[in-house]
Amino acid sequence: MFTPRNKRRSAAPNAPKPGDSTEQVSDGSDGGYNAGIAVFSYIVGGIIVWSLIGWGLDNLWGTRWIVLLGALLGAAGGFYLSHMHGLTSHRSSSGGSKADSGPSQDGDSNAK
C-alpha cells in the first residue's frame, strides 16, 4: 500500500535542503590573486616543460645551448597562453587618483 509517508521517502533521499549548502560563496574579491597564480603556473610550467625538452635535445645532439632556448621559449609561451586566456588584461583604475589625466580643470592655475 502506498501511503504519504512512503512517498516522502522515495522522492529524493539525498536531495540538498535549501539551508544545507557546504559550498563557500565567493564575492569575487580574490580574482586578481587567482589570475596571478594562473599566470605564474603557465610561465613556470612552460619553463619546466620546454627546458626538459631542450635538455633532452641537448643530450641527443651533444649541444649545451638548447636547454636555455627551451627555457626562454617556455616563458614566452606561458605568457602568451596567459594573455590569450585574458589573465593579463589591463584594468582601468577605479580609484580617485587622476594624477595622469592632465592639468586641473578648476581654472586655478599656478602659472605666473
C-alpha atoms as a PDB file:
ATOM      1  CA  MET A   1       0.000   0.000   0.000  1.00  0.00           C
ATOM      2  CA  PHE A   2       1.294   3.438  -0.949  1.00  0.00           C
ATOM      3  CA  THR A   3       0.988   5.973   1.861  1.00  0.00           C
ATOM      4  CA  PRO A   4       2.158   9.622   2.023  1.00  0.00           C
ATOM      5  CA  ARG A   5       4.949   8.569   4.405  1.00  0.00           C
ATOM      6  CA  ASN A   6       6.393   6.150   1.837  1.00  0.00           C
ATOM      7  CA  LYS A   7       6.018   8.754  -0.860  1.00  0.00           C
ATOM      8  CA  ARG A   8       8.210  11.203   1.074  1.00  0.00           C
ATOM      9  CA  ARG A   9      10.967   8.618   1.461  1.00  0.00           C
ATOM     10  CA  SER A  10      11.048   7.653  -2.195  1.00  0.00           C
ATOM     11  CA  ALA A  11      11.155  11.193  -3.557  1.00  0.00           C
ATOM     12  CA  ALA A  12      14.865  12.037  -3.208  1.00  0.00           C
ATOM     13  CA  PRO A  13      16.603  10.828  -0.072  1.00  0.00           C
ATOM     14  CA  ASN A  14      19.873  12.687  -0.748  1.00  0.00           C
ATOM     15  CA  ALA A  15      18.449  15.910  -2.144  1.00  0.00           C
ATOM     16  CA  PRO A  16      20.090  19.009  -0.654  1.00  0.00           C
ATOM     17  CA  LYS A  17      17.969  21.167   1.588  1.00  0.00           C
ATOM     18  CA  PRO A  18      17.912  24.923   0.983  1.00  0.00           C
ATOM     19  CA  GLY A  19      19.987  25.826   4.061  1.00  0.00           C
ATOM     20  CA  ASP A  20      22.408  22.867   3.994  1.00  0.00           C
ATOM     21  CA  SER A  21      24.881  24.087   1.374  1.00  0.00           C
ATOM     22  CA  THR A  22      28.524  23.351   2.170  1.00  0.00           C
ATOM     23  CA  GLU A  23      29.872  25.418  -0.731  1.00  0.00           C
ATOM     24  CA  GLN A  24      31.509  28.713   0.096  1.00  0.00           C
ATOM     25  CA  VAL A  25      30.058  31.737  -1.586  1.00  0.00           C
ATOM     26  CA  SER A  26      32.705  33.796  -3.344  1.00  0.00           C
ATOM     27  CA  ASP A  27      32.246  37.521  -3.681  1.00  0.00           C
ATOM     28  CA  GLY A  28      34.897  37.768  -6.404  1.00  0.00           C
ATOM     29  CA  SER A  29      37.412  39.604  -4.249  1.00  0.00           C
ATOM     30  CA  ASP A  30      40.179  37.049  -4.896  1.00  0.00           C
ATOM     31  CA  GLY A  31      40.008  37.153  -8.695  1.00  0.00           C
ATOM     32  CA  GLY A  32      43.297  39.007  -9.022  1.00  0.00           C
ATOM     33  CA  TYR A  33      45.053  36.519  -6.795  1.00  0.00           C
ATOM     34  CA  ASN A  34      43.693  33.559  -8.761  1.00  0.00           C
ATOM     35  CA  ALA A  35      44.679  35.158 -12.056  1.00  0.00           C
ATOM     36  CA  GLY A  36      48.184  35.796 -10.707  1.00  0.00           C
ATOM     37  CA  ILE A  37      48.562  32.191  -9.639  1.00  0.00           C
ATOM     38  CA  ALA A  38      47.355  31.043 -13.063  1.00  0.00           C
ATOM     39  CA  VAL A  39      49.857  33.307 -14.866  1.00  0.00           C
ATOM     40  CA  PHE A  40      52.639  32.085 -12.583  1.00  0.00           C
ATOM     41  CA  SER A  41      51.666  28.467 -13.229  1.00  0.00           C
ATOM     42  CA  TYR A  42      51.608  28.927 -17.003  1.00  0.00           C
ATOM     43  CA  ILE A  43      55.016  30.601 -17.076  1.00  0.00           C
ATOM     44  CA  VAL A  44      56.763  28.246 -14.629  1.00  0.00           C
ATOM     45  CA  GLY A  45      55.137  25.209 -16.213  1.00  0.00           C
ATOM     46  CA  GLY A  46      56.241  26.343 -19.660  1.00  0.00           C
ATOM     47  CA  ILE A  47      59.790  26.896 -18.448  1.00  0.00           C
ATOM     48  CA  ILE A  48      59.950  23.456 -16.842  1.00  0.00           C
ATOM     49  CA  VAL A  49      58.421  21.553 -19.764  1.00  0.00           C
ATOM     50  CA  TRP A  50      60.388  23.283 -22.518  1.00  0.00           C
ATOM     51  CA  SER A  51      63.625  23.163 -20.511  1.00  0.00           C
ATOM     52  CA  LEU A  52      63.220  19.406 -20.181  1.00  0.00           C
ATOM     53  CA  ILE A  53      62.588  19.148 -23.910  1.00  0.00           C
ATOM     54  CA  GLY A  54      65.688  21.270 -24.553  1.00  0.00           C
ATOM     55  CA  TRP A  55      67.727  19.158 -22.133  1.00  0.00           C
ATOM     56  CA  GLY A  56      66.671  16.018 -23.973  1.00  0.00           C
ATOM     57  CA  LEU A  57      67.601  17.523 -27.328  1.00  0.00           C
ATOM     58  CA  ASP A  58      70.929  18.693 -25.875  1.00  0.00           C
ATOM     59  CA  ASN A  59      71.724  15.145 -24.790  1.00  0.00           C
ATOM     60  CA  LEU A  60      70.579  13.739 -28.119  1.00  0.00           C
ATOM     61  CA  TRP A  61      72.546  16.151 -30.297  1.00  0.00           C
ATOM     62  CA  GLY A  62      75.503  16.820 -27.968  1.00  0.00           C
ATOM     63  CA  THR A  63      74.884  20.568 -27.603  1.00  0.00           C
ATOM     64  CA  ARG A  64      74.631  22.736 -24.496  1.00  0.00           C
ATOM     65  CA  TRP A  65      72.501  25.724 -25.509  1.00  0.00           C
ATOM     66  CA  ILE A  66      69.117  24.277 -26.449  1.00  0.00           C
ATOM     67  CA  VAL A  67      68.058  23.997 -22.796  1.00  0.00           C
ATOM     68  CA  LEU A  68      68.366  27.799 -22.477  1.00  0.00           C
ATOM     69  CA  LEU A  69      66.413  28.282 -25.675  1.00  0.00           C
ATOM     70  CA  GLY A  70      63.759  25.917 -24.289  1.00  0.00           C
ATOM     71  CA  ALA A  71      63.500  27.907 -21.049  1.00  0.00           C
ATOM     72  CA  LEU A  72      63.055  31.170 -22.949  1.00  0.00           C
ATOM     73  CA  LEU A  73      60.538  29.579 -25.291  1.00  0.00           C
ATOM     74  CA  GLY A  74      58.623  28.165 -22.312  1.00  0.00           C
ATOM     75  CA  ALA A  75      58.476  31.532 -20.553  1.00  0.00           C
ATOM     76  CA  ALA A  76      57.293  33.256 -23.723  1.00  0.00           C
ATOM     77  CA  GLY A  77      54.749  30.511 -24.389  1.00  0.00           C
ATOM     78  CA  GLY A  78      53.422  30.668 -20.827  1.00  0.00           C
ATOM     79  CA  PHE A  79      52.977  34.416 -21.050  1.00  0.00           C
ATOM     80  CA  TYR A  80      51.301  34.023 -24.442  1.00  0.00           C
ATOM     81  CA  LEU A  81      48.855  31.449 -23.061  1.00  0.00           C
ATOM     82  CA  SER A  82      48.009  33.594 -20.044  1.00  0.00           C
ATOM     83  CA  HIS A  83      47.487  36.580 -22.328  1.00  0.00           C
ATOM     84  CA  MET A  84      45.250  34.597 -24.670  1.00  0.00           C
ATOM     85  CA  HIS A  85      43.180  33.399 -21.707  1.00  0.00           C
ATOM     86  CA  GLY A  86      42.646  37.009 -20.665  1.00  0.00           C
ATOM     87  CA  LEU A  87      44.629  36.803 -17.441  1.00  0.00           C
ATOM     88  CA  THR A  88      46.975  39.691 -18.216  1.00  0.00           C
ATOM     89  CA  SER A  89      44.386  42.262 -19.291  1.00  0.00           C
ATOM     90  CA  HIS A  90      44.805  45.854 -18.237  1.00  0.00           C
ATOM     91  CA  ARG A  91      42.217  47.102 -15.813  1.00  0.00           C
ATOM     92  CA  SER A  92      41.060  50.675 -15.564  1.00  0.00           C
ATOM     93  CA  SER A  93      41.712  52.214 -12.209  1.00  0.00           C
ATOM     94  CA  SER A  94      38.536  52.820 -10.264  1.00  0.00           C
ATOM     95  CA  GLY A  95      40.273  54.813  -7.556  1.00  0.00           C
ATOM     96  CA  GLY A  96      40.071  58.547  -7.068  1.00  0.00           C
ATOM     97  CA  SER A  97      43.620  59.254  -8.249  1.00  0.00           C
ATOM     98  CA  LYS A  98      43.680  61.007 -11.598  1.00  0.00           C
ATOM     99  CA  ALA A  99      47.275  62.193 -11.470  1.00  0.00           C
ATOM    100  CA  ASP A 100      47.987  61.053 -15.011  1.00  0.00           C
ATOM    101  CA  SER A 101      44.844  62.584 -16.519  1.00  0.00           C
ATOM    102  CA  GLY A 102      46.271  66.044 -17.259  1.00  0.00           C
ATOM    103  CA  PRO A 103      46.062  69.521 -15.779  1.00  0.00           C
ATOM    104  CA  SER A 104      43.375  70.635 -13.397  1.00  0.00           C
ATOM    105  CA  GLN A 105      40.160  71.922 -14.911  1.00  0.00           C
ATOM    106  CA  ASP A 106      39.137  74.145 -11.986  1.00  0.00           C
ATOM    107  CA  GLY A 107      40.556  77.352 -13.521  1.00  0.00           C
ATOM    108  CA  ASP A 108      43.122  77.879 -10.754  1.00  0.00           C
ATOM    109  CA  SER A 109      46.472  77.582 -12.453  1.00  0.00           C
ATOM    110  CA  ASN A 110      49.855  78.093 -10.853  1.00  0.00           C
ATOM    111  CA  ALA A 111      51.275  79.817 -13.944  1.00  0.00           C
ATOM    112  CA  LYS A 112      52.803  83.225 -13.316  1.00  0.00           C
END
